[in-house]
Amino acid sequence: WNFSNDVGECLKWNRGAKRLVESLGAKHMIPRVTMNLNTASYWNEPLQAKIESLKETHRELVMVGDKDNLLLNGVHFVRRSLLCGRNLLTAERECAALLNEIHQLRQMNGLLPMISNHLSILKLIGSNYD
């Protein structure tokens, strides 16, 4: 199957994977599978539907130490927040906190997309980037 051509099938497989890891008690895998499900839902559900799940998944990824997916989840969270009209001041604080967290974790490959998100937010609120 080519999941890129069938979002419904992709979501079905991701939901099945989530049920499987939950039933197996694989707590370290649940956040990763949830992040995949949240990402795949872009094309099939309202953008705001997964904001809280992305926030919760962030906390879970931190708890299991999954740095790579933490970055992806953070970028998706900030971008989705902007697209669904989240308050810009709230989005700026959240983005700045994620940017700081990425820097502290020494995940430099995640800095550029997050800096881009942060600069976009700062421009939208009329900041002079101080």
Foldseek 3Di string as FASTA:
>chain_A
DDCVVPLPVQLVVLVVVLVVCVVVVVLLCNLVSLLSNLVSCPVPDQLVPCLVVLVVSLVSCVVSVVLVVNLVSLLSNLVSCVVVPHDLVVSLVSLVVSLVVCVVVVVVVSNVSSVVSNVVSCVVVPHPPD
